[in-house]
All heavy atoms as atom14 arrays in JSON, in Angstrom:
{
  "sequence": "EGTFAPPEDAYWKDNSRGTARWEEPEEGGTGKYEVV",
  "atom14_mask": [
    [1, 1, 1, 1, 1, 1, 1, 1, 1, 0, 0, 0, 0, 0],
    [1, 1, 1, 1, 0, 0, 0, 0, 0, 0, 0, 0, 0, 0],
    [1, 1, 1, 1, 1, 1, 1, 0, 0, 0, 0, 0, 0, 0],
    [1, 1, 1, 1, 1, 1, 1, 1, 1, 1, 1, 0, 0, 0],
    [1, 1, 1, 1, 1, 0, 0, 0, 0, 0, 0, 0, 0, 0],
    [1, 1, 1, 1, 1, 1, 1, 0, 0, 0, 0, 0, 0, 0],
    [1, 1, 1, 1, 1, 1, 1, 0, 0, 0, 0, 0, 0, 0],
    [1, 1, 1, 1, 1, 1, 1, 1, 1, 0, 0, 0, 0, 0],
    [1, 1, 1, 1, 1, 1, 1, 1, 0, 0, 0, 0, 0, 0],
    [1, 1, 1, 1, 1, 0, 0, 0, 0, 0, 0, 0, 0, 0],
    [1, 1, 1, 1, 1, 1, 1, 1, 1, 1, 1, 1, 0, 0],
    [1, 1, 1, 1, 1, 1, 1, 1, 1, 1, 1, 1, 1, 1],
    [1, 1, 1, 1, 1, 1, 1, 1, 1, 0, 0, 0, 0, 0],
    [1, 1, 1, 1, 1, 1, 1, 1, 0, 0, 0, 0, 0, 0],
    [1, 1, 1, 1, 1, 1, 1, 1, 0, 0, 0, 0, 0, 0],
    [1, 1, 1, 1, 1, 1, 0, 0, 0, 0, 0, 0, 0, 0],
    [1, 1, 1, 1, 1, 1, 1, 1, 1, 1, 1, 0, 0, 0],
    [1, 1, 1, 1, 0, 0, 0, 0, 0, 0, 0, 0, 0, 0],
    [1, 1, 1, 1, 1, 1, 1, 0, 0, 0, 0, 0, 0, 0],
    [1, 1, 1, 1, 1, 0, 0, 0, 0, 0, 0, 0, 0, 0],
    [1, 1, 1, 1, 1, 1, 1, 1, 1, 1, 1, 0, 0, 0],
    [1, 1, 1, 1, 1, 1, 1, 1, 1, 1, 1, 1, 1, 1],
    [1, 1, 1, 1, 1, 1, 1, 1, 1, 0, 0, 0, 0, 0],
    [1, 1, 1, 1, 1, 1, 1, 1, 1, 0, 0, 0, 0, 0],
    [1, 1, 1, 1, 1, 1, 1, 0, 0, 0, 0, 0, 0, 0],
    [1, 1, 1, 1, 1, 1, 1, 1, 1, 0, 0, 0, 0, 0],
    [1, 1, 1, 1, 1, 1, 1, 1, 1, 0, 0, 0, 0, 0],
    [1, 1, 1, 1, 0, 0, 0, 0, 0, 0, 0, 0, 0, 0],
    [1, 1, 1, 1, 0, 0, 0, 0, 0, 0, 0, 0, 0, 0],
    [1, 1, 1, 1, 1, 1, 1, 0, 0, 0, 0, 0, 0, 0],
    [1, 1, 1, 1, 0, 0, 0, 0, 0, 0, 0, 0, 0, 0],
    [1, 1, 1, 1, 1, 1, 1, 1, 1, 0, 0, 0, 0, 0],
    [1, 1, 1, 1, 1, 1, 1, 1, 1, 1, 1, 1, 0, 0],
    [1, 1, 1, 1, 1, 1, 1, 1, 1, 0, 0, 0, 0, 0],
    [1, 1, 1, 1, 1, 1, 1, 0, 0, 0, 0, 0, 0, 0],
    [1, 1, 1, 1, 1, 1, 1, 0, 0, 0, 0, 0, 0, 0]
  ],
  "atom14_positions": [
    [[14.13, 6.46, -16.14], [13.12, 5.42, -16.19], [13.3, 4.46, -15.02], [14.39, 4.38, -14.43], [13.23, 4.65, -17.51], [13.03, 5.53, -18.75], [13.15, 4.75, -20.04], [13.45, 3.54, -19.97], [12.94, 5.35, -21.11], [0.0, 0.0, 0.0], [0.0, 0.0, 0.0], [0.0, 0.0, 0.0], [0.0, 0.0, 0.0], [0.0, 0.0, 0.0]],
    [[12.24, 3.78, -14.66], [12.37, 2.84, -13.55], [11.05, 2.25, -13.12], [9.99, 2.54, -13.7], [0.0, 0.0, 0.0], [0.0, 0.0, 0.0], [0.0, 0.0, 0.0], [0.0, 0.0, 0.0], [0.0, 0.0, 0.0], [0.0, 0.0, 0.0], [0.0, 0.0, 0.0], [0.0, 0.0, 0.0], [0.0, 0.0, 0.0], [0.0, 0.0, 0.0]],
    [[11.12, 1.43, -12.11], [9.94, 0.77, -11.53], [9.64, 1.4, -10.18], [10.55, 1.63, -9.38], [10.2, -0.73, -11.35], [10.52, -1.3, -12.63], [8.97, -1.43, -10.79], [0.0, 0.0, 0.0], [0.0, 0.0, 0.0], [0.0, 0.0, 0.0], [0.0, 0.0, 0.0], [0.0, 0.0, 0.0], [0.0, 0.0, 0.0], [0.0, 0.0, 0.0]],
    [[8.39, 1.71, -9.93], [8.0, 2.32, -8.67], [8.24, 1.36, -7.51], [8.15, 0.13, -7.67], [6.53, 2.74, -8.7], [6.16, 3.58, -9.88], [5.06, 3.26, -10.67], [6.91, 4.69, -10.22], [4.71, 4.03, -11.76], [6.58, 5.47, -11.32], [5.48, 5.14, -12.1], [0.0, 0.0, 0.0], [0.0, 0.0, 0.0], [0.0, 0.0, 0.0]],
    [[8.53, 1.93, -6.36], [8.7, 1.11, -5.15], [7.34, 0.57, -4.71], [6.33, 1.26, -4.81], [9.33, 1.93, -4.03], [0.0, 0.0, 0.0], [0.0, 0.0, 0.0], [0.0, 0.0, 0.0], [0.0, 0.0, 0.0], [0.0, 0.0, 0.0], [0.0, 0.0, 0.0], [0.0, 0.0, 0.0], [0.0, 0.0, 0.0], [0.0, 0.0, 0.0]],
    [[7.29, -0.66, -4.21], [6.01, -1.24, -3.8], [5.56, -0.71, -2.44], [6.39, -0.25, -1.64], [6.33, -2.73, -3.71], [7.78, -2.78, -3.38], [8.41, -1.61, -4.09], [0.0, 0.0, 0.0], [0.0, 0.0, 0.0], [0.0, 0.0, 0.0], [0.0, 0.0, 0.0], [0.0, 0.0, 0.0], [0.0, 0.0, 0.0], [0.0, 0.0, 0.0]],
    [[4.26, -0.76, -2.16], [3.78, -0.41, -0.82], [4.38, -1.38, 0.21], [4.93, -2.42, -0.13], [2.26, -0.59, -0.92], [1.97, -0.64, -2.38], [3.18, -1.18, -3.05], [0.0, 0.0, 0.0], [0.0, 0.0, 0.0], [0.0, 0.0, 0.0], [0.0, 0.0, 0.0], [0.0, 0.0, 0.0], [0.0, 0.0, 0.0], [0.0, 0.0, 0.0]],
    [[4.23, -1.0, 1.46], [4.77, -1.85, 2.53], [3.65, -2.37, 3.44], [2.68, -1.67, 3.69], [5.8, -1.05, 3.36], [6.99, -0.58, 2.54], [7.98, 0.22, 3.36], [7.73, 0.4, 4.57], [9.01, 0.64, 2.81], [0.0, 0.0, 0.0], [0.0, 0.0, 0.0], [0.0, 0.0, 0.0], [0.0, 0.0, 0.0], [0.0, 0.0, 0.0]],
    [[3.79, -3.61, 3.86], [2.98, -4.18, 4.94], [1.48, -4.1, 4.65], [0.73, -3.4, 5.35], [3.31, -3.46, 6.24], [2.79, -4.23, 7.45], [2.55, -5.44, 7.31], [2.61, -3.61, 8.52], [0.0, 0.0, 0.0], [0.0, 0.0, 0.0], [0.0, 0.0, 0.0], [0.0, 0.0, 0.0], [0.0, 0.0, 0.0], [0.0, 0.0, 0.0]],
    [[1.0, -4.82, 3.64], [-0.44, -4.88, 3.36], [-1.13, -5.74, 4.41], [-0.71, -6.87, 4.67], [-0.67, -5.45, 1.96], [0.0, 0.0, 0.0], [0.0, 0.0, 0.0], [0.0, 0.0, 0.0], [0.0, 0.0, 0.0], [0.0, 0.0, 0.0], [0.0, 0.0, 0.0], [0.0, 0.0, 0.0], [0.0, 0.0, 0.0], [0.0, 0.0, 0.0]],
    [[-2.22, -5.22, 5.0], [-2.9, -5.96, 6.08], [-4.35, -5.52, 6.17], [-4.75, -4.48, 5.65], [-2.18, -5.73, 7.41], [-2.1, -4.27, 7.82], [-3.04, -3.71, 8.69], [-1.07, -3.45, 7.35], [-2.97, -2.37, 9.06], [-1.0, -2.11, 7.71], [-1.94, -1.57, 8.56], [-1.87, -0.26, 8.92], [0.0, 0.0, 0.0], [0.0, 0.0, 0.0]],
    [[-5.16, -6.35, 6.88], [-6.56, -6.02, 7.15], [-6.64, -5.22, 8.45], [-6.01, -5.58, 9.45], [-7.41, -7.29, 7.26], [-7.49, -8.07, 5.99], [-6.78, -9.2, 5.68], [-8.33, -7.8, 4.87], [-7.11, -9.65, 4.43], [-8.07, -8.81, 3.9], [-9.27, -6.82, 4.58], [-8.72, -8.86, 2.67], [-9.92, -6.85, 3.35], [-9.64, -7.86, 2.42]],
    [[-7.41, -4.15, 8.44], [-7.54, -3.32, 9.63], [-8.25, -4.1, 10.75], [-9.27, -4.76, 10.51], [-8.32, -2.05, 9.3], [-8.47, -1.08, 10.46], [-9.25, 0.16, 10.05], [-9.43, 1.1, 11.23], [-10.21, 2.31, 10.87], [0.0, 0.0, 0.0], [0.0, 0.0, 0.0], [0.0, 0.0, 0.0], [0.0, 0.0, 0.0], [0.0, 0.0, 0.0]],
    [[-7.73, -3.99, 11.95], [-8.33, -4.67, 13.09], [-9.72, -4.11, 13.39], [-9.99, -2.93, 13.2], [-7.44, -4.49, 14.33], [-6.12, -5.22, 14.2], [-6.05, -6.17, 13.39], [-5.16, -4.83, 14.9], [0.0, 0.0, 0.0], [0.0, 0.0, 0.0], [0.0, 0.0, 0.0], [0.0, 0.0, 0.0], [0.0, 0.0, 0.0], [0.0, 0.0, 0.0]],
    [[-10.59, -5.0, 13.88], [-11.94, -4.61, 14.31], [-12.76, -3.94, 13.2], [-13.62, -3.11, 13.46], [-11.86, -3.66, 15.51], [-11.1, -4.26, 16.68], [-11.27, -5.44, 16.99], [-10.25, -3.46, 17.3], [0.0, 0.0, 0.0], [0.0, 0.0, 0.0], [0.0, 0.0, 0.0], [0.0, 0.0, 0.0], [0.0, 0.0, 0.0], [0.0, 0.0, 0.0]],
    [[-12.47, -4.3, 11.97], [-13.22, -3.74, 10.85], [-13.26, -4.76, 9.73], [-12.23, -5.1, 9.17], [-12.58, -2.44, 10.36], [-13.25, -1.96, 9.22], [0.0, 0.0, 0.0], [0.0, 0.0, 0.0], [0.0, 0.0, 0.0], [0.0, 0.0, 0.0], [0.0, 0.0, 0.0], [0.0, 0.0, 0.0], [0.0, 0.0, 0.0], [0.0, 0.0, 0.0]],
    [[-14.42, -5.24, 9.4], [-14.54, -6.23, 8.33], [-14.28, -5.57, 6.98], [-14.94, -4.61, 6.61], [-15.93, -6.84, 8.32], [-16.26, -7.73, 9.51], [-17.55, -8.48, 9.27], [-17.93, -9.3, 10.4], [-18.78, -8.92, 11.34], [-19.34, -7.73, 11.27], [-19.08, -9.73, 12.34], [0.0, 0.0, 0.0], [0.0, 0.0, 0.0], [0.0, 0.0, 0.0]],
    [[-13.32, -6.1, 6.26], [-13.15, -5.72, 4.86], [-12.36, -4.47, 4.58], [-12.27, -4.07, 3.41], [0.0, 0.0, 0.0], [0.0, 0.0, 0.0], [0.0, 0.0, 0.0], [0.0, 0.0, 0.0], [0.0, 0.0, 0.0], [0.0, 0.0, 0.0], [0.0, 0.0, 0.0], [0.0, 0.0, 0.0], [0.0, 0.0, 0.0], [0.0, 0.0, 0.0]],
    [[-11.77, -3.81, 5.58], [-10.99, -2.6, 5.31], [-9.52, -2.97, 5.13], [-8.86, -3.41, 6.08], [-11.13, -1.57, 6.43], [-12.5, -1.18, 6.54], [-10.29, -0.33, 6.13], [0.0, 0.0, 0.0], [0.0, 0.0, 0.0], [0.0, 0.0, 0.0], [0.0, 0.0, 0.0], [0.0, 0.0, 0.0], [0.0, 0.0, 0.0], [0.0, 0.0, 0.0]],
    [[-9.04, -2.8, 3.91], [-7.65, -3.1, 3.57], [-6.78, -1.87, 3.87], [-7.19, -0.74, 3.64], [-7.53, -3.47, 2.1], [0.0, 0.0, 0.0], [0.0, 0.0, 0.0], [0.0, 0.0, 0.0], [0.0, 0.0, 0.0], [0.0, 0.0, 0.0], [0.0, 0.0, 0.0], [0.0, 0.0, 0.0], [0.0, 0.0, 0.0], [0.0, 0.0, 0.0]],
    [[-5.58, -2.12, 4.37], [-4.64, -1.03, 4.67], [-3.24, -1.42, 4.22], [-2.9, -2.61, 4.11], [-4.63, -0.7, 6.17], [-5.93, -0.12, 6.69], [-5.79, 0.33, 8.13], [-4.86, 1.44, 8.25], [-5.23, 2.72, 8.17], [-6.5, 3.04, 7.96], [-4.34, 3.69, 8.3], [0.0, 0.0, 0.0], [0.0, 0.0, 0.0], [0.0, 0.0, 0.0]],
    [[-2.43, -0.39, 3.96], [-1.04, -0.6, 3.59], [-0.26, 0.67, 3.91], [-0.84, 1.72, 4.19], [-0.91, -0.95, 2.11], [-1.53, 0.08, 1.2], [-0.94, 1.17, 0.64], [-2.9, 0.12, 0.77], [-1.83, 1.89, -0.1], [-3.05, 1.26, -0.05], [-4.01, -0.7, 0.99], [-4.27, 1.6, -0.64], [-5.22, -0.35, 0.4], [-5.35, 0.77, -0.41]],
    [[1.06, 0.58, 3.86], [1.93, 1.71, 4.18], [2.62, 2.2, 2.91], [2.97, 1.42, 2.02], [2.98, 1.32, 5.21], [2.42, 0.75, 6.51], [1.54, 1.73, 7.24], [1.78, 2.96, 7.12], [0.6, 1.29, 7.95], [0.0, 0.0, 0.0], [0.0, 0.0, 0.0], [0.0, 0.0, 0.0], [0.0, 0.0, 0.0], [0.0, 0.0, 0.0]],
    [[2.79, 3.52, 2.84], [3.49, 4.12, 1.7], [4.98, 3.79, 1.77], [5.57, 3.81, 2.86], [3.3, 5.64, 1.73], [3.94, 6.37, 0.56], [3.69, 7.87, 0.63], [3.1, 8.32, 1.63], [4.08, 8.57, -0.31], [0.0, 0.0, 0.0], [0.0, 0.0, 0.0], [0.0, 0.0, 0.0], [0.0, 0.0, 0.0], [0.0, 0.0, 0.0]],
    [[5.62, 3.48, 0.64], [7.07, 3.22, 0.68], [7.83, 4.47, 1.09], [7.4, 5.6, 0.83], [7.39, 2.8, -0.76], [6.29, 3.38, -1.59], [5.07, 3.36, -0.72], [0.0, 0.0, 0.0], [0.0, 0.0, 0.0], [0.0, 0.0, 0.0], [0.0, 0.0, 0.0], [0.0, 0.0, 0.0], [0.0, 0.0, 0.0], [0.0, 0.0, 0.0]],
    [[8.97, 4.28, 1.74], [9.75, 5.42, 2.21], [10.25, 6.26, 1.05], [10.28, 7.49, 1.12], [10.94, 4.93, 3.05], [10.53, 4.32, 4.39], [11.74, 3.96, 5.23], [12.88, 4.28, 4.8], [11.55, 3.37, 6.31], [0.0, 0.0, 0.0], [0.0, 0.0, 0.0], [0.0, 0.0, 0.0], [0.0, 0.0, 0.0], [0.0, 0.0, 0.0]],
    [[10.66, 5.63, -0.03], [11.14, 6.34, -1.22], [10.68, 5.59, -2.47], [10.49, 4.38, -2.44], [12.67, 6.45, -1.24], [13.25, 7.32, -0.13], [14.76, 7.39, -0.21], [15.36, 6.61, -0.97], [15.35, 8.22, 0.51], [0.0, 0.0, 0.0], [0.0, 0.0, 0.0], [0.0, 0.0, 0.0], [0.0, 0.0, 0.0], [0.0, 0.0, 0.0]],
    [[10.49, 6.34, -3.55], [10.19, 5.72, -4.83], [8.73, 5.4, -5.07], [8.4, 4.76, -6.07], [0.0, 0.0, 0.0], [0.0, 0.0, 0.0], [0.0, 0.0, 0.0], [0.0, 0.0, 0.0], [0.0, 0.0, 0.0], [0.0, 0.0, 0.0], [0.0, 0.0, 0.0], [0.0, 0.0, 0.0], [0.0, 0.0, 0.0], [0.0, 0.0, 0.0]],
    [[7.84, 5.86, -4.17], [6.42, 5.64, -4.39], [5.82, 6.73, -5.25], [6.49, 7.68, -5.66], [0.0, 0.0, 0.0], [0.0, 0.0, 0.0], [0.0, 0.0, 0.0], [0.0, 0.0, 0.0], [0.0, 0.0, 0.0], [0.0, 0.0, 0.0], [0.0, 0.0, 0.0], [0.0, 0.0, 0.0], [0.0, 0.0, 0.0], [0.0, 0.0, 0.0]],
    [[4.51, 6.63, -5.52], [3.82, 7.61, -6.36], [2.65, 8.27, -5.65], [2.17, 9.31, -6.09], [3.29, 6.94, -7.63], [2.3, 5.95, -7.28], [4.42, 6.27, -8.41], [0.0, 0.0, 0.0], [0.0, 0.0, 0.0], [0.0, 0.0, 0.0], [0.0, 0.0, 0.0], [0.0, 0.0, 0.0], [0.0, 0.0, 0.0], [0.0, 0.0, 0.0]],
    [[2.15, 7.65, -4.59], [0.96, 8.18, -3.93], [-0.34, 7.7, -4.55], [-1.41, 8.16, -4.17], [0.0, 0.0, 0.0], [0.0, 0.0, 0.0], [0.0, 0.0, 0.0], [0.0, 0.0, 0.0], [0.0, 0.0, 0.0], [0.0, 0.0, 0.0], [0.0, 0.0, 0.0], [0.0, 0.0, 0.0], [0.0, 0.0, 0.0], [0.0, 0.0, 0.0]],
    [[-0.26, 6.78, -5.52], [-1.46, 6.22, -6.13], [-1.32, 4.7, -6.18], [-0.21, 4.19, -6.44], [-1.69, 6.78, -7.53], [-3.02, 6.38, -8.15], [-3.26, 7.09, -9.48], [-4.62, 6.75, -10.05], [-4.87, 7.44, -11.34], [0.0, 0.0, 0.0], [0.0, 0.0, 0.0], [0.0, 0.0, 0.0], [0.0, 0.0, 0.0], [0.0, 0.0, 0.0]],
    [[-2.44, 3.99, -5.96], [-2.38, 2.55, -5.81], [-3.51, 1.85, -6.58], [-4.59, 2.41, -6.76], [-2.48, 2.16, -4.33], [-1.49, 2.9, -3.46], [-1.84, 4.11, -2.85], [-0.2, 2.42, -3.28], [-0.93, 4.8, -2.06], [0.71, 3.1, -2.49], [0.35, 4.29, -1.89], [1.24, 4.98, -1.13], [0.0, 0.0, 0.0], [0.0, 0.0, 0.0]],
    [[-3.21, 0.63, -6.99], [-4.23, -0.27, -7.53], [-4.41, -1.4, -6.51], [-3.42, -1.99, -6.05], [-3.81, -0.84, -8.87], [-4.84, -1.78, -9.49], [-4.39, -2.37, -10.81], [-3.21, -2.18, -11.18], [-5.22, -3.03, -11.46], [0.0, 0.0, 0.0], [0.0, 0.0, 0.0], [0.0, 0.0, 0.0], [0.0, 0.0, 0.0], [0.0, 0.0, 0.0]],
    [[-5.66, -1.66, -6.14], [-5.95, -2.71, -5.16], [-6.92, -3.72, -5.77], [-7.82, -3.35, -6.54], [-6.53, -2.12, -3.85], [-5.47, -1.39, -3.08], [-7.71, -1.2, -4.14], [0.0, 0.0, 0.0], [0.0, 0.0, 0.0], [0.0, 0.0, 0.0], [0.0, 0.0, 0.0], [0.0, 0.0, 0.0], [0.0, 0.0, 0.0], [0.0, 0.0, 0.0]],
    [[-6.71, -4.97, -5.43], [-7.52, -6.05, -5.98], [-7.99, -6.95, -4.84], [-7.18, -7.42, -4.03], [-6.73, -6.88, -7.01], [-7.59, -8.05, -7.52], [-6.27, -6.02, -8.17], [0.0, 0.0, 0.0], [0.0, 0.0, 0.0], [0.0, 0.0, 0.0], [0.0, 0.0, 0.0], [0.0, 0.0, 0.0], [0.0, 0.0, 0.0], [0.0, 0.0, 0.0]]
  ]
}
């Protein structure tokens, strides 16, 4: 049992209004995300 690793470096994409981006954690991620 455990807690998933968080994404890394959430940021807005340059030269694009409203496109959110983030990086997958090196270990302990799931490949699925909730964004708000």
